[in-house]
PDB file of N, CA and C in Angstrom:
ATOM      1  N   MET A   1     -54.349 106.398 -95.524  1.00  0.00           N
ATOM      2  CA  MET A   1     -55.177 107.499 -95.674  1.00  0.00           C
ATOM      3  C   MET A   1     -54.777 108.434 -94.572  1.00  0.00           C
ATOM      4  N   LEU A   2     -54.374 109.630 -94.653  1.00  0.00           N
ATOM      5  CA  LEU A   2     -53.800 110.805 -93.685  1.00  0.00           C
ATOM      6  C   LEU A   2     -55.435 111.182 -92.847  1.00  0.00           C
ATOM      7  N   PRO A   3     -55.282 111.131 -91.764  1.00  0.00           N
ATOM      8  CA  PRO A   3     -55.781 111.547 -90.725  1.00  0.00           C
ATOM      9  C   PRO A   3     -56.486 113.450 -91.046  1.00  0.00           C
ATOM     10  N   VAL A   4     -57.432 114.090 -90.584  1.00  0.00           N
ATOM     11  CA  VAL A   4     -57.687 115.416 -91.288  1.00  0.00           C
ATOM     12  C   VAL A   4     -58.088 116.114 -90.315  1.00  0.00           C
ATOM     13  N   LYS A   5     -57.691 117.505 -90.106  1.00  0.00           N
ATOM     14  CA  LYS A   5     -58.137 118.473 -89.011  1.00  0.00           C
ATOM     15  C   LYS A   5     -58.325 119.666 -89.672  1.00  0.00           C
ATOM     16  N   TYR A   6     -59.251 120.339 -88.986  1.00  0.00           N
ATOM     17  CA  TYR A   6     -60.202 121.603 -89.599  1.00  0.00           C
ATOM     18  C   TYR A   6     -59.514 122.635 -88.684  1.00  0.00           C
ATOM     19  N   THR A   7     -59.229 123.832 -89.320  1.00  0.00           N
ATOM     20  CA  THR A   7     -59.273 125.135 -88.580  1.00  0.00           C
ATOM     21  C   THR A   7     -60.735 125.581 -88.016  1.00  0.00           C
ATOM     22  N   THR A   8     -60.605 126.283 -87.112  1.00  0.00           N
ATOM     23  CA  THR A   8     -62.130 126.747 -86.289  1.00  0.00           C
ATOM     24  C   THR A   8     -62.869 127.027 -87.743  1.00  0.00           C
ATOM     25  N   LYS A   9     -62.395 128.153 -88.727  1.00  0.00           N
ATOM     26  CA  LYS A   9     -62.679 128.659 -89.463  1.00  0.00           C
ATOM     27  C   LYS A   9     -63.565 128.144 -91.020  1.00  0.00           C
ATOM     28  N   ALA A  10     -62.581 126.691 -90.935  1.00  0.00           N
ATOM     29  CA  ALA A  10     -62.942 125.817 -91.942  1.00  0.00           C
ATOM     30  C   ALA A  10     -64.323 124.697 -91.468  1.00  0.00           C
ATOM     31  N   GLU A  11     -64.297 124.530 -90.179  1.00  0.00           N
ATOM     32  CA  GLU A  11     -65.276 123.688 -89.197  1.00  0.00           C
ATOM     33  C   GLU A  11     -66.394 124.320 -89.183  1.00  0.00           C
ATOM     34  N   LYS A  12     -66.361 125.789 -89.023  1.00  0.00           N
ATOM     35  CA  LYS A  12     -67.980 126.685 -88.997  1.00  0.00           C
ATOM     36  C   LYS A  12     -68.354 126.171 -90.344  1.00  0.00           C
ATOM     37  N   TYR A  13     -67.485 126.979 -91.606  1.00  0.00           N
ATOM     38  CA  TYR A  13     -68.225 126.977 -93.055  1.00  0.00           C
ATOM     39  C   TYR A  13     -69.117 125.436 -93.389  1.00  0.00           C
ATOM     40  N   PHE A  14     -68.008 124.406 -93.206  1.00  0.00           N
ATOM     41  CA  PHE A  14     -68.713 122.868 -93.368  1.00  0.00           C
ATOM     42  C   PHE A  14     -70.245 122.642 -92.487  1.00  0.00           C
ATOM     43  N   LYS A  15     -70.304 123.441 -91.209  1.00  0.00           N
ATOM     44  CA  LYS A  15     -71.324 123.208 -90.779  1.00  0.00           C
ATOM     45  C   LYS A  15     -72.893 123.877 -90.864  1.00  0.00           C
ATOM     46  N   LYS A  16     -72.156 125.186 -91.527  1.00  0.00           N
ATOM     47  CA  LYS A  16     -73.498 126.227 -92.174  1.00  0.00           C
ATOM     48  C   LYS A  16     -73.728 125.551 -93.792  1.00  0.00           C
ATOM     49  N   ILE A  17     -73.184 124.324 -94.165  1.00  0.00           N
ATOM     50  CA  ILE A  17     -73.637 123.839 -95.521  1.00  0.00           C
ATOM     51  C   ILE A  17     -74.837 123.344 -95.465  1.00  0.00           C
ATOM     52  N   ARG A  18     -76.135 123.314 -95.929  1.00  0.00           N
ATOM     53  CA  ARG A  18     -77.231 122.947 -95.931  1.00  0.00           C
ATOM     54  C   ARG A  18     -77.618 122.017 -97.043  1.00  0.00           C
ATOM     55  N   ASP A  19     -76.904 122.443 -98.319  1.00  0.00           N
ATOM     56  CA  ASP A  19     -77.222 121.600 -99.373  1.00  0.00           C
ATOM     57  C   ASP A  19     -76.220 120.102 -99.088  1.00  0.00           C
ATOM     58  N   LYS A  20     -77.118 118.873 -98.950  1.00  0.00           N
ATOM     59  CA  LYS A  20     -76.879 117.693 -98.860  1.00  0.00           C
ATOM     60  C   LYS A  20     -75.452 117.274-100.263  1.00  0.00           C
ATOM     61  N   VAL A  21     -76.177 117.736-101.529  1.00  0.00           N
ATOM     62  CA  VAL A  21     -75.270 117.601-102.747  1.00  0.00           C
ATOM     63  C   VAL A  21     -73.921 118.644-102.302  1.00  0.00           C
ATOM     64  N   LEU A  22     -73.852 119.404-102.046  1.00  0.00           N
ATOM     65  CA  LEU A  22     -72.624 120.129-101.660  1.00  0.00           C
ATOM     66  C   LEU A  22     -71.805 119.643-101.029  1.00  0.00           C
ATOM     67  N   LYS A  23     -72.452 119.475 -99.646  1.00  0.00           N
ATOM     68  CA  LYS A  23     -71.920 118.434 -98.447  1.00  0.00           C
ATOM     69  C   LYS A  23     -70.988 117.319 -98.730  1.00  0.00           C
ATOM     70  N   LYS A  24     -71.785 116.334 -99.468  1.00  0.00           N
ATOM     71  CA  LYS A  24     -71.090 115.241-100.145  1.00  0.00           C
ATOM     72  C   LYS A  24     -69.994 115.772-100.967  1.00  0.00           C
ATOM     73  N   LYS A  25     -70.181 116.484-102.085  1.00  0.00           N
ATOM     74  CA  LYS A  25     -68.756 116.893-102.878  1.00  0.00           C
ATOM     75  C   LYS A  25     -67.585 117.301-101.843  1.00  0.00           C
ATOM     76  N   PHE A  26     -67.942 117.974-101.226  1.00  0.00           N
ATOM     77  CA  PHE A  26     -66.999 118.484-100.401  1.00  0.00           C
ATOM     78  C   PHE A  26     -66.515 117.538 -99.265  1.00  0.00           C
ATOM     79  N   SER A  27     -67.024 116.478 -99.197  1.00  0.00           N
ATOM     80  CA  SER A  27     -66.632 115.265 -98.507  1.00  0.00           C
ATOM     81  C   SER A  27     -65.816 114.284 -99.127  1.00  0.00           C
ATOM     82  N   ASP A  28     -66.140 114.024-100.392  1.00  0.00           N
ATOM     83  CA  ASP A  28     -65.889 113.022-101.329  1.00  0.00           C
ATOM     84  C   ASP A  28     -64.069 113.817-101.720  1.00  0.00           C
ATOM     85  N   ALA A  29     -63.981 115.114-101.745  1.00  0.00           N
ATOM     86  CA  ALA A  29     -62.913 115.961-102.284  1.00  0.00           C
ATOM     87  C   ALA A  29     -61.946 115.807-101.318  1.00  0.00           C
ATOM     88  N   ILE A  30     -62.701 115.986 -99.780  1.00  0.00           N
ATOM     89  CA  ILE A  30     -61.544 115.771 -98.797  1.00  0.00           C
ATOM     90  C   ILE A  30     -60.999 114.365 -98.281  1.00  0.00           C
ATOM     91  N   THR A  31     -62.120 113.302 -98.935  1.00  0.00           N
ATOM     92  CA  THR A  31     -61.640 112.047 -99.073  1.00  0.00           C
ATOM     93  C   THR A  31     -60.472 111.822 -99.840  1.00  0.00           C
ATOM     94  N   ALA A  32     -60.843 112.303-101.081  1.00  0.00           N
ATOM     95  CA  ALA A  32     -59.773 111.859-101.952  1.00  0.00           C
ATOM     96  C   ALA A  32     -58.535 112.795-101.684  1.00  0.00           C
ATOM     97  N   LEU A  33     -58.220 114.139-100.829  1.00  0.00           N
ATOM     98  CA  LEU A  33     -57.527 114.510-100.490  1.00  0.00           C
ATOM     99  C   LEU A  33     -56.391 113.805 -99.608  1.00  0.00           C
ATOM    100  N   ARG A  34     -57.198 113.387 -98.732  1.00  0.00           N
ATOM    101  CA  ARG A  34     -56.587 112.305 -97.299  1.00  0.00           C
ATOM    102  C   ARG A  34     -55.715 111.211 -98.077  1.00  0.00           C
ATOM    103  N   GLU A  35     -56.501 110.760 -99.533  1.00  0.00           N
ATOM    104  CA  GLU A  35     -55.671 109.595-100.078  1.00  0.00           C
ATOM    105  C   GLU A  35     -54.372 110.037-100.456  1.00  0.00           C
ATOM    106  N   ASN A  36     -54.654 111.284-101.650  1.00  0.00           N
ATOM    107  CA  ASN A  36     -53.501 111.860-102.068  1.00  0.00           C
ATOM    108  C   ASN A  36     -53.478 113.233-101.915  1.00  0.00           C
ATOM    109  N   PRO A  37     -52.736 113.754-100.884  1.00  0.00           N
ATOM    110  CA  PRO A  37     -52.977 115.332-100.623  1.00  0.00           C
ATOM    111  C   PRO A  37     -51.951 115.915-101.873  1.00  0.00           C
ATOM    112  N   MET A  38     -51.367 115.368-102.762  1.00  0.00           N
ATOM    113  CA  MET A  38     -50.947 116.150-103.990  1.00  0.00           C
ATOM    114  C   MET A  38     -51.502 116.164-105.106  1.00  0.00           C
ATOM    115  N   ALA A  39     -52.733 115.807-104.993  1.00  0.00           N
ATOM    116  CA  ALA A  39     -53.857 115.892-106.167  1.00  0.00           C
ATOM    117  C   ALA A  39     -54.370 117.385-106.248  1.00  0.00           C
ATOM    118  N   GLY A  40     -54.027 118.389-105.305  1.00  0.00           N
ATOM    119  CA  GLY A  40     -54.413 119.463-105.249  1.00  0.00           C
ATOM    120  C   GLY A  40     -53.456 120.636-106.093  1.00  0.00           C
ATOM    121  N   GLU A  41     -53.962 121.772-106.249  1.00  0.00           N
ATOM    122  CA  GLU A  41     -52.924 122.705-106.465  1.00  0.00           C
ATOM    123  C   GLU A  41     -51.879 123.495-105.840  1.00  0.00           C
ATOM    124  N   ILE A  42     -50.719 123.447-106.285  1.00  0.00           N
ATOM    125  CA  ILE A  42     -49.546 124.097-105.250  1.00  0.00           C
ATOM    126  C   ILE A  42     -49.823 125.587-105.239  1.00  0.00           C
ATOM    127  N   LYS A  43     -50.003 126.551-104.513  1.00  0.00           N
ATOM    128  CA  LYS A  43     -50.083 127.982-104.712  1.00  0.00           C
ATOM    129  C   LYS A  43     -48.547 128.641-104.634  1.00  0.00           C
ATOM    130  N   LYS A  44     -48.531 129.754-104.995  1.00  0.00           N
ATOM    131  CA  LYS A  44     -47.208 130.238-105.239  1.00  0.00           C
ATOM    132  C   LYS A  44     -47.474 132.069-104.407  1.00  0.00           C
ATOM    133  N   HIS A  45     -46.165 132.505-104.514  1.00  0.00           N
ATOM    134  CA  HIS A  45     -45.766 133.833-104.124  1.00  0.00           C
ATOM    135  C   HIS A  45     -46.600 133.945-102.680  1.00  0.00           C
ATOM    136  N   ASP A  46     -47.460 134.833-102.188  1.00  0.00           N
ATOM    137  CA  ASP A  46     -47.479 134.943-100.733  1.00  0.00           C
ATOM    138  C   ASP A  46     -48.476 133.670-100.430  1.00  0.00           C
ATOM    139  N   LEU A  47     -49.174 132.822-100.832  1.00  0.00           N
ATOM    140  CA  LEU A  47     -49.568 131.489-100.492  1.00  0.00           C
ATOM    141  C   LEU A  47     -48.723 130.219-100.755  1.00  0.00           C
ATOM    142  N   ALA A  48     -47.090 130.689-100.730  1.00  0.00           N
ATOM    143  CA  ALA A  48     -46.489 129.387-100.674  1.00  0.00           C
ATOM    144  C   ALA A  48     -46.580 128.588 -99.472  1.00  0.00           C
ATOM    145  N   GLY A  49     -46.962 127.403-100.002  1.00  0.00           N
ATOM    146  CA  GLY A  49     -47.118 126.116 -98.803  1.00  0.00           C
ATOM    147  C   GLY A  49     -48.194 125.721 -98.814  1.00  0.00           C
ATOM    148  N   ILE A  50     -49.322 126.450 -99.325  1.00  0.00           N
ATOM    149  CA  ILE A  50     -50.731 126.099 -99.541  1.00  0.00           C
ATOM    150  C   ILE A  50     -50.990 125.368-100.468  1.00  0.00           C
ATOM    151  N   MET A  51     -52.124 124.713-100.706  1.00  0.00           N
ATOM    152  CA  MET A  51     -52.650 123.664-101.812  1.00  0.00           C
ATOM    153  C   MET A  51     -53.938 124.032-101.847  1.00  0.00           C
ATOM    154  N   GLY A  52     -54.599 123.963-102.957  1.00  0.00           N
ATOM    155  CA  GLY A  52     -56.028 124.485-103.133  1.00  0.00           C
ATOM    156  C   GLY A  52     -56.751 123.144-104.175  1.00  0.00           C
ATOM    157  N   CYS A  53     -57.777 123.005-103.730  1.00  0.00           N
ATOM    158  CA  CYS A  53     -58.402 122.138-104.479  1.00  0.00           C
ATOM    159  C   CYS A  53     -60.140 122.409-104.639  1.00  0.00           C
ATOM    160  N   ASN A  54     -60.430 122.435-106.028  1.00  0.00           N
ATOM    161  CA  ASN A  54     -61.573 122.871-106.295  1.00  0.00           C
ATOM    162  C   ASN A  54     -62.541 122.142-106.722  1.00  0.00           C
ATOM    163  N   VAL A  55     -64.096 122.435-106.099  1.00  0.00           N
ATOM    164  CA  VAL A  55     -65.270 121.371-105.844  1.00  0.00           C
ATOM    165  C   VAL A  55     -66.196 122.355-106.951  1.00  0.00           C
ATOM    166  N   PHE A  56     -66.828 121.814-107.910  1.00  0.00           N
ATOM    167  CA  PHE A  56     -67.969 122.237-108.643  1.00  0.00           C
ATOM    168  C   PHE A  56     -68.937 122.009-108.331  1.00  0.00           C
ATOM    169  N   HIS A  57     -70.026 123.212-108.183  1.00  0.00           N
ATOM    170  CA  HIS A  57     -71.546 122.413-107.587  1.00  0.00           C
ATOM    171  C   HIS A  57     -72.662 123.524-108.277  1.00  0.00           C
ATOM    172  N   ASN A  58     -73.545 123.278-108.789  1.00  0.00           N
ATOM    173  CA  ASN A  58     -74.546 124.577-109.543  1.00  0.00           C
ATOM    174  C   ASN A  58     -73.664 125.408-109.728  1.00  0.00           C
ATOM    175  N   LYS A  59     -72.934 125.345-110.939  1.00  0.00           N
ATOM    176  CA  LYS A  59     -72.071 126.450-112.014  1.00  0.00           C
ATOM    177  C   LYS A  59     -71.129 127.327-111.043  1.00  0.00           C
ATOM    178  N   LEU A  60     -70.857 126.971-109.767  1.00  0.00           N
ATOM    179  CA  LEU A  60     -70.414 127.676-108.866  1.00  0.00           C
ATOM    180  C   LEU A  60     -68.962 126.884-108.524  1.00  0.00           C
ATOM    181  N   ASN A  61     -67.677 127.720-108.443  1.00  0.00           N
ATOM    182  CA  ASN A  61     -66.790 126.772-108.262  1.00  0.00           C
ATOM    183  C   ASN A  61     -66.559 127.216-106.366  1.00  0.00           C
ATOM    184  N   TYR A  62     -65.509 126.167-105.932  1.00  0.00           N
ATOM    185  CA  TYR A  62     -65.902 126.226-104.568  1.00  0.00           C
ATOM    186  C   TYR A  62     -64.465 125.862-104.182  1.00  0.00           C
ATOM    187  N   GLU A  63     -63.754 126.329-103.249  1.00  0.00           N
ATOM    188  CA  GLU A  63     -62.184 125.989-103.043  1.00  0.00           C
ATOM    189  C   GLU A  63     -62.136 125.421-101.511  1.00  0.00           C
ATOM    190  N   ILE A  64     -61.125 124.304-101.482  1.00  0.00           N
ATOM    191  CA  ILE A  64     -60.663 123.737-100.295  1.00  0.00           C
ATOM    192  C   ILE A  64     -58.892 124.345-100.103  1.00  0.00           C
ATOM    193  N   ALA A  65     -58.729 125.342 -98.997  1.00  0.00           N
ATOM    194  CA  ALA A  65     -57.139 125.010 -99.264  1.00  0.00           C
ATOM    195  C   ALA A  65     -56.663 124.612 -97.730  1.00  0.00           C
ATOM    196  N   TYR A  66     -55.700 123.909 -98.138  1.00  0.00           N
ATOM    197  CA  TYR A  66     -55.341 123.073 -97.106  1.00  0.00           C
ATOM    198  C   TYR A  66     -53.671 122.652 -97.315  1.00  0.00           C
ATOM    199  N   LYS A  67     -52.940 122.130 -96.284  1.00  0.00           N
ATOM    200  CA  LYS A  67     -51.617 122.016 -96.205  1.00  0.00           C
ATOM    201  C   LYS A  67     -51.564 120.501 -95.744  1.00  0.00           C
ATOM    202  N   VAL A  68     -50.447 120.053 -95.767  1.00  0.00           N
ATOM    203  CA  VAL A  68     -49.939 118.685 -95.057  1.00  0.00           C
ATOM    204  C   VAL A  68     -49.159 119.211 -93.750  1.00  0.00           C
ATOM    205  N   ILE A  69     -49.543 118.672 -92.512  1.00  0.00           N
ATOM    206  CA  ILE A  69     -48.833 119.245 -91.609  1.00  0.00           C
ATOM    207  C   ILE A  69     -48.043 118.309 -90.506  1.00  0.00           C
ATOM    208  N   GLU A  70     -47.565 118.235 -90.143  1.00  0.00           N
ATOM    209  CA  GLU A  70     -46.377 117.352 -89.012  1.00  0.00           C
ATOM    210  C   GLU A  70     -46.752 117.461 -87.702  1.00  0.00           C
ATOM    211  N   VAL A  71     -47.976 116.412 -87.274  1.00  0.00           N
ATOM    212  CA  VAL A  71     -48.354 116.524 -85.755  1.00  0.00           C
ATOM    213  C   VAL A  71     -48.451 114.676 -85.590  1.00  0.00           C
ATOM    214  N   ASP A  72     -47.620 114.341 -85.054  1.00  0.00           N
ATOM    215  CA  ASP A  72     -47.670 112.679 -84.671  1.00  0.00           C
ATOM    216  C   ASP A  72     -47.815 112.167 -86.418  1.00  0.00           C
ATOM    217  N   GLY A  73     -46.759 112.747 -86.945  1.00  0.00           N
ATOM    218  CA  GLY A  73     -46.980 112.264 -88.583  1.00  0.00           C
ATOM    219  C   GLY A  73     -47.686 113.010 -89.186  1.00  0.00           C
ATOM    220  N   GLU A  74     -47.702 112.631 -90.548  1.00  0.00           N
ATOM    221  CA  GLU A  74     -48.427 113.626 -91.432  1.00  0.00           C
ATOM    222  C   GLU A  74     -50.135 113.793 -91.250  1.00  0.00           C
ATOM    223  N   THR A  75     -50.530 114.864 -91.106  1.00  0.00           N
ATOM    224  CA  THR A  75     -52.153 115.137 -91.208  1.00  0.00           C
ATOM    225  C   THR A  75     -52.521 116.422 -92.043  1.00  0.00           C
ATOM    226  N   LEU A  76     -53.726 116.062 -92.716  1.00  0.00           N
ATOM    227  CA  LEU A  76     -54.104 116.961 -93.416  1.00  0.00           C
ATOM    228  C   LEU A  76     -54.435 118.295 -92.894  1.00  0.00           C
ATOM    229  N   LEU A  77     -54.528 119.316 -92.873  1.00  0.00           N
ATOM    230  CA  LEU A  77     -55.105 120.358 -92.400  1.00  0.00           C
ATOM    231  C   LEU A  77     -55.918 121.149 -93.294  1.00  0.00           C
ATOM    232  N   ILE A  78     -57.337 121.023 -93.218  1.00  0.00           N
ATOM    233  CA  ILE A  78     -57.968 121.743 -93.844  1.00  0.00           C
ATOM    234  C   ILE A  78     -58.105 123.368 -93.513  1.00  0.00           C
ATOM    235  N   ILE A  79     -57.305 124.262 -94.358  1.00  0.00           N
ATOM    236  CA  ILE A  79     -57.171 125.894 -93.474  1.00  0.00           C
ATOM    237  C   ILE A  79     -58.810 126.507 -94.073  1.00  0.00           C
ATOM    238  N   LEU A  80     -59.370 126.706 -94.676  1.00  0.00           N
ATOM    239  CA  LEU A  80     -60.410 127.422 -95.495  1.00  0.00           C
ATOM    240  C   LEU A  80     -61.091 126.753 -96.483  1.00  0.00           C
ATOM    241  N   ALA A  81     -62.379 126.763 -96.544  1.00  0.00           N
ATOM    242  CA  ALA A  81     -63.318 126.663 -97.493  1.00  0.00           C
ATOM    243  C   ALA A  81     -64.189 127.503 -97.827  1.00  0.00           C
ATOM    244  N   GLY A  82     -64.745 127.713 -99.168  1.00  0.00           N
ATOM    245  CA  GLY A  82     -65.760 128.626 -99.548  1.00  0.00           C
ATOM    246  C   GLY A  82     -65.912 128.764-101.257  1.00  0.00           C
ATOM    247  N   THR A  83     -66.907 129.777-101.204  1.00  0.00           N
ATOM    248  CA  THR A  83     -66.773 129.914-103.043  1.00  0.00           C
ATOM    249  C   THR A  83     -65.533 130.467-103.479  1.00  0.00           C
ATOM    250  N   ARG A  84     -65.359 130.580-104.561  1.00  0.00           N
ATOM    251  CA  ARG A  84     -64.153 131.140-105.086  1.00  0.00           C
ATOM    252  C   ARG A  84     -64.309 132.836-105.210  1.00  0.00           C
ATOM    253  N   GLU A  85     -65.064 133.437-105.190  1.00  0.00           N
ATOM    254  CA  GLU A  85     -65.218 134.925-105.042  1.00  0.00           C
ATOM    255  C   GLU A  85     -64.682 135.439-103.503  1.00  0.00           C
ATOM    256  N   ASN A  86     -63.766 136.062-103.809  1.00  0.00           N
ATOM    257  CA  ASN A  86     -62.985 136.633-102.743  1.00  0.00           C
ATOM    258  C   ASN A  86     -62.156 135.489-102.025  1.00  0.00           C
ATOM    259  N   PHE A  87     -62.260 134.289-102.168  1.00  0.00           N
ATOM    260  CA  PHE A  87     -61.569 133.503-101.579  1.00  0.00           C
ATOM    261  C   PHE A  87     -60.246 133.452-101.262  1.00  0.00           C
ATOM    262  N   TYR A  88     -59.326 133.817-102.225  1.00  0.00           N
ATOM    263  CA  TYR A  88     -57.742 134.244-101.809  1.00  0.00           C
ATOM    264  C   TYR A  88     -57.785 135.298-101.035  1.00  0.00           C
ATOM    265  N   GLU A  89     -58.526 136.539-100.920  1.00  0.00           N
ATOM    266  CA  GLU A  89     -58.212 137.442-100.085  1.00  0.00           C
ATOM    267  C   GLU A  89     -58.204 136.891 -98.941  1.00  0.00           C
ATOM    268  N   GLU A  90     -59.627 136.742 -98.708  1.00  0.00           N
ATOM    269  CA  GLU A  90     -60.037 136.245 -97.505  1.00  0.00           C
ATOM    270  C   GLU A  90     -58.613 135.110 -96.639  1.00  0.00           C
ATOM    271  N   LEU A  91     -58.193 134.379 -97.833  1.00  0.00           N
ATOM    272  CA  LEU A  91     -57.333 133.190 -96.889  1.00  0.00           C
ATOM    273  C   LEU A  91     -56.059 133.844 -96.519  1.00  0.00           C
ATOM    274  N   LYS A  92     -56.116 134.863 -97.513  1.00  0.00           N
ATOM    275  CA  LYS A  92     -54.637 135.896 -97.257  1.00  0.00           C
ATOM    276  C   LYS A  92     -54.516 136.320 -95.833  1.00  0.00           C
ATOM    277  N   ASN A  93     -56.052 136.961 -95.531  1.00  0.00           N
ATOM    278  CA  ASN A  93     -56.183 137.948 -94.222  1.00  0.00           C
ATOM    279  C   ASN A  93     -56.182 136.529 -93.550  1.00  0.00           C
ATOM    280  N   TYR A  94     -56.775 135.504 -93.462  1.00  0.00           N
ATOM    281  CA  TYR A  94     -57.002 134.603 -92.243  1.00  0.00           C
ATOM    282  C   TYR A  94     -55.469 134.444 -92.101  1.00  0.00           C
ATOM    283  N   LEU A  95     -54.330 133.954 -92.811  1.00  0.00           N
ATOM    284  CA  LEU A  95     -53.161 133.416 -92.583  1.00  0.00           C
ATOM    285  C   LEU A  95     -52.435 134.283 -91.897  1.00  0.00           C
ATOM    286  N   LYS A  96     -52.527 135.845 -92.007  1.00  0.00           N
ATOM    287  CA  LYS A  96     -51.992 136.939 -91.660  1.00  0.00           C
ATOM    288  C   LYS A  96     -52.297 137.049 -90.014  1.00  0.00           C
ATOM    289  N   GLY A  97     -53.686 136.588 -89.693  1.00  0.00           N
ATOM    290  CA  GLY A  97     -53.852 136.943 -88.241  1.00  0.00           C
ATOM    291  C   GLY A  97     -53.877 135.956 -87.922  1.00  0.00           C
TER     292      GLY A  97
END
């Protein structure tokens, strides 16, 4: 199982979640990605190199953007998480800055 690191933005997002069921779904999704990082969807074009994973809760689609990086071996880097609405625009802006 790969070790995991979070960007500051992702860490803040997860700390804000109060819904315990949603928090558990995110945790389970991240555990699954640590076991098999290729389970997510590979993004294309200006998001090349980024992978995405869907999390569904209360009829809403949430996303986790991540990639595998080399830091003392492979590490799963969680870049961003949030609802699908405006997610990719926010991700593009985050990657630019």
